[in-house]
């Protein structure tokens, strides 16, 4: 009897964790992420269809998602679906493609917890239990990866990159970057500009 109850709860927990993984993939964190569109359904000739099945989705720039519909008459339907979603990014349409430009990628524990309707402290504990990593470390690592990408792929000023990533203190950003990479942001840019960071 007890093993049956355990089995049921294990099954429910497995489904819950799969849903949580799916939701993690849609979090907007720094670089534009095409997975934020995964749950958006488009009215495709009367049938709700996932957005990735009506066009090609790409990320041509670090802050931009581009959708090129296979049928240009779908532009308005795609825009309507994006606007109706809770994405918070407004699409731009040039008659051929739709572009979504992501704004400030500042991530906080509170923002992430609110996405899952959880208390920030509880969310942080759950995150650590499931991933083995502290939420604050995970966020710092995301920001570091985005900083490395922006330093190597854009000509944005280093202080602007720090600001875009939510660092109000440039010195603190430089100190954290050096601690994690062994280089200052300037040294990193000189060494890796024009290459994809690993």
Protein backbone atom coordinates (compact mmCIF):
# COMPACT_ATOMS: atom_id res chain seq x y z
CA UNK A 1 0.00 0.00 0.00
CA UNK A 2 2.73 2.44 0.97
CA UNK A 3 4.77 1.60 -2.12
CA UNK A 4 1.73 2.34 -4.33
CA UNK A 5 1.34 5.77 -2.73
CA UNK A 6 5.06 6.41 -3.12
CA UNK A 7 4.87 5.39 -6.75
CA UNK A 8 1.99 7.79 -7.39
CA UNK A 9 3.83 10.68 -5.73
CA UNK A 10 7.05 9.84 -7.60
CA UNK A 11 5.12 9.95 -10.86
CA UNK A 12 3.54 13.31 -9.97
CA UNK A 13 6.91 14.74 -8.91
CA UNK A 14 8.51 13.56 -12.16
CA UNK A 15 5.79 15.34 -14.15
CA UNK A 16 6.18 18.47 -12.00
CA UNK A 17 9.94 18.53 -12.55
CA UNK A 18 9.47 18.07 -16.32
CA UNK A 19 7.08 21.03 -16.32
CA UNK A 20 9.58 23.06 -14.27
CA UNK A 21 12.39 22.24 -16.73
CA UNK A 22 10.14 23.36 -19.58
CA UNK A 23 9.38 26.62 -17.76
CA UNK A 24 13.09 27.22 -17.02
CA UNK A 25 13.78 27.04 -20.77
CA UNK A 26 11.40 29.94 -21.41
CA UNK A 27 13.03 32.35 -18.95
CA UNK A 28 14.37 35.50 -20.57
CA UNK A 29 17.92 35.74 -19.32
CA UNK A 30 20.38 37.88 -21.19
CA UNK A 31 20.79 36.66 -24.74
CA UNK A 32 17.59 36.30 -26.76
CA UNK A 33 16.16 32.80 -26.28
CA UNK A 34 13.86 31.38 -28.98
CA UNK A 35 12.36 28.99 -26.40
CA UNK A 36 10.37 31.91 -24.93
CA UNK A 37 8.08 31.34 -27.94
CA UNK A 38 7.53 27.62 -27.30
CA UNK A 39 4.14 27.99 -25.63
CA UNK A 40 2.72 30.49 -28.12
CA UNK A 41 0.05 29.09 -30.41
CA UNK A 42 -0.84 30.79 -33.71
CA UNK A 43 -4.21 30.56 -35.44
CA UNK A 44 -3.10 28.80 -38.61
CA UNK A 45 -6.17 28.65 -40.85
CA UNK A 46 -8.43 27.91 -37.90
CA UNK A 47 -6.14 25.44 -36.11
CA UNK A 48 -3.99 26.45 -33.09
CA UNK A 49 -0.42 25.69 -34.16
CA UNK A 50 2.90 26.13 -32.32
CA UNK A 51 4.72 29.19 -33.60
CA UNK A 52 7.79 27.15 -34.58
CA UNK A 53 5.63 25.20 -37.05
CA UNK A 54 4.57 28.25 -39.07
CA UNK A 55 7.98 29.79 -39.69
CA UNK A 56 11.72 29.79 -39.17
CA UNK A 57 12.84 31.18 -35.79
CA UNK A 58 16.39 32.49 -35.48
CA UNK A 59 18.52 34.71 -33.24
CA UNK A 60 20.52 36.93 -35.63
CA UNK A 61 21.73 39.25 -32.84
CA UNK A 62 22.20 38.77 -29.09
CA UNK A 63 19.03 40.72 -28.22
CA UNK A 64 16.83 39.84 -31.20
CA UNK A 65 14.58 36.94 -32.13
CA UNK A 66 13.51 36.85 -35.76
CA UNK A 67 10.52 34.91 -37.12
CA UNK A 68 10.24 34.40 -40.85
CA UNK A 69 6.86 32.81 -41.65
CA UNK A 70 6.76 30.27 -44.45
CA UNK A 71 3.50 31.91 -45.55
CA UNK A 72 3.72 35.72 -45.51
CA UNK A 73 -0.04 36.00 -44.93
CA UNK A 74 0.65 34.64 -41.41
CA UNK A 75 2.50 37.79 -40.26
CA UNK A 76 -0.60 39.36 -38.67
CA UNK A 77 -1.67 36.10 -36.98
CA UNK A 78 1.83 35.61 -35.51
CA UNK A 79 1.93 39.21 -34.26
CA UNK A 80 -1.53 38.80 -32.73
CA UNK A 81 -0.48 35.61 -30.92
CA UNK A 82 2.70 37.24 -29.55
CA UNK A 83 0.78 40.31 -28.38
CA UNK A 84 -1.85 38.11 -26.70
CA UNK A 85 0.83 36.14 -24.85
CA UNK A 86 2.44 37.17 -21.56
CA UNK A 87 5.81 37.51 -23.27
CA UNK A 88 6.14 41.25 -22.70
CA UNK A 89 8.01 41.86 -25.96
CA UNK A 90 6.22 43.72 -28.74
CA UNK A 91 6.84 42.46 -32.26
CA UNK A 92 8.01 44.60 -35.17
CA UNK A 93 6.94 43.62 -38.68
CA UNK A 94 8.64 44.77 -41.90
CA UNK A 95 6.33 42.84 -44.23
CA UNK A 96 8.68 39.85 -44.49
CA UNK A 97 9.83 38.99 -40.98
CA UNK A 98 8.83 39.69 -37.40
CA UNK A 99 11.52 40.90 -35.03
CA UNK A 100 11.36 40.77 -31.25
CA UNK A 101 13.93 42.93 -29.51
CA UNK A 102 14.62 41.95 -25.92
CA UNK A 103 15.08 44.71 -23.41
CA UNK A 104 17.15 44.78 -20.23
CA UNK A 105 17.97 41.20 -19.20
CA UNK A 106 18.30 41.96 -15.49
CA UNK A 107 17.28 38.82 -13.61
CA UNK A 108 16.48 38.66 -9.96
CA UNK A 109 15.47 35.92 -7.61
CA UNK A 110 12.16 37.71 -7.07
CA UNK A 111 11.43 37.92 -10.81
CA UNK A 112 12.12 34.21 -11.31
CA UNK A 113 10.05 33.19 -8.29
CA UNK A 114 7.10 35.30 -9.46
CA UNK A 115 7.15 33.49 -12.82
CA UNK A 116 6.32 30.29 -10.93
CA UNK A 117 4.05 31.96 -8.36
CA UNK A 118 6.38 30.99 -5.53
CA UNK A 119 7.91 32.75 -2.56
CA UNK A 120 11.51 33.80 -3.48
CA UNK A 121 13.04 31.94 -0.50
CA UNK A 122 11.12 28.76 -1.26
CA UNK A 123 12.00 29.02 -4.95
CA UNK A 124 15.69 29.38 -4.11
CA UNK A 125 15.56 26.28 -1.87
CA UNK A 126 13.69 24.29 -4.52
CA UNK A 127 16.14 25.41 -7.19
CA UNK A 128 19.14 24.32 -5.11
CA UNK A 129 17.51 20.98 -4.31
CA UNK A 130 16.79 20.25 -7.98
CA UNK A 131 19.97 21.60 -9.58
CA UNK A 132 22.53 21.32 -6.80
CA UNK A 133 23.46 24.96 -7.38
CA UNK A 134 22.51 28.09 -5.45
CA UNK A 135 20.12 30.33 -7.40
CA UNK A 136 22.34 33.38 -6.86
CA UNK A 137 25.33 31.49 -8.33
CA UNK A 138 23.22 30.36 -11.28
CA UNK A 139 22.10 33.94 -12.00
CA UNK A 140 25.68 35.21 -11.67
CA UNK A 141 26.86 32.50 -14.10
CA UNK A 142 24.13 33.44 -16.61
CA UNK A 143 25.21 37.07 -16.43
CA UNK A 144 28.87 36.09 -16.81
CA UNK A 145 28.13 34.01 -19.92
CA UNK A 146 26.13 36.88 -21.40
CA UNK A 147 28.95 39.33 -20.59
CA UNK A 148 31.48 37.04 -22.31
CA UNK A 149 29.21 36.77 -25.33
CA UNK A 150 28.64 40.53 -25.54
CA UNK A 151 32.35 41.32 -25.08
CA UNK A 152 33.30 38.95 -27.88
CA UNK A 153 30.43 39.66 -30.29
CA UNK A 154 29.46 43.32 -29.90
CA UNK A 155 31.21 46.66 -29.86
CA UNK A 156 29.13 47.88 -26.89
CA UNK A 157 31.11 49.73 -24.24
CA UNK A 158 32.05 47.65 -21.22
CA UNK A 159 30.21 49.95 -18.80
CA UNK A 160 27.12 49.69 -21.02
CA UNK A 161 27.36 45.88 -20.96
CA UNK A 162 27.64 45.95 -17.17
CA UNK A 163 24.56 48.18 -16.98
CA UNK A 164 22.57 45.99 -19.39
CA UNK A 165 23.31 43.00 -17.20
CA UNK A 166 22.00 44.76 -14.11
CA UNK A 167 25.30 45.82 -12.51
CA UNK A 168 24.95 49.39 -11.27
CA UNK A 169 28.57 49.44 -10.09
CA UNK A 170 31.13 49.02 -12.90
CA UNK A 171 33.96 48.24 -10.46
CA UNK A 172 31.97 45.40 -8.93
CA UNK A 173 31.22 43.99 -12.41
CA UNK A 174 34.92 44.11 -13.35
CA UNK A 175 35.94 42.50 -10.06
CA UNK A 176 33.39 39.66 -10.44
CA UNK A 177 34.36 39.13 -14.09
CA UNK A 178 38.07 38.90 -13.23
CA UNK A 179 37.41 36.57 -10.32
CA UNK A 180 35.51 34.13 -12.57
CA UNK A 181 37.62 34.35 -15.76
CA UNK A 182 41.05 35.45 -14.58
CA UNK A 183 40.86 38.45 -16.95
CA UNK A 184 39.43 41.93 -16.83
CA UNK A 185 36.57 42.61 -19.27
CA UNK A 186 39.00 44.65 -21.44
CA UNK A 187 41.54 41.82 -21.54
CA UNK A 188 38.80 39.33 -22.38
CA UNK A 189 37.57 41.50 -25.26
CA UNK A 190 41.10 41.86 -26.67
CA UNK A 191 41.65 38.11 -26.49
CA UNK A 192 38.30 36.90 -27.80
CA UNK A 193 36.66 39.65 -29.90
CA UNK A 194 35.07 38.09 -32.97
CA UNK A 195 35.04 34.53 -31.59
CA UNK A 196 32.22 32.61 -29.94
CA UNK A 197 33.06 32.20 -26.23
CA UNK A 198 33.24 28.70 -24.81
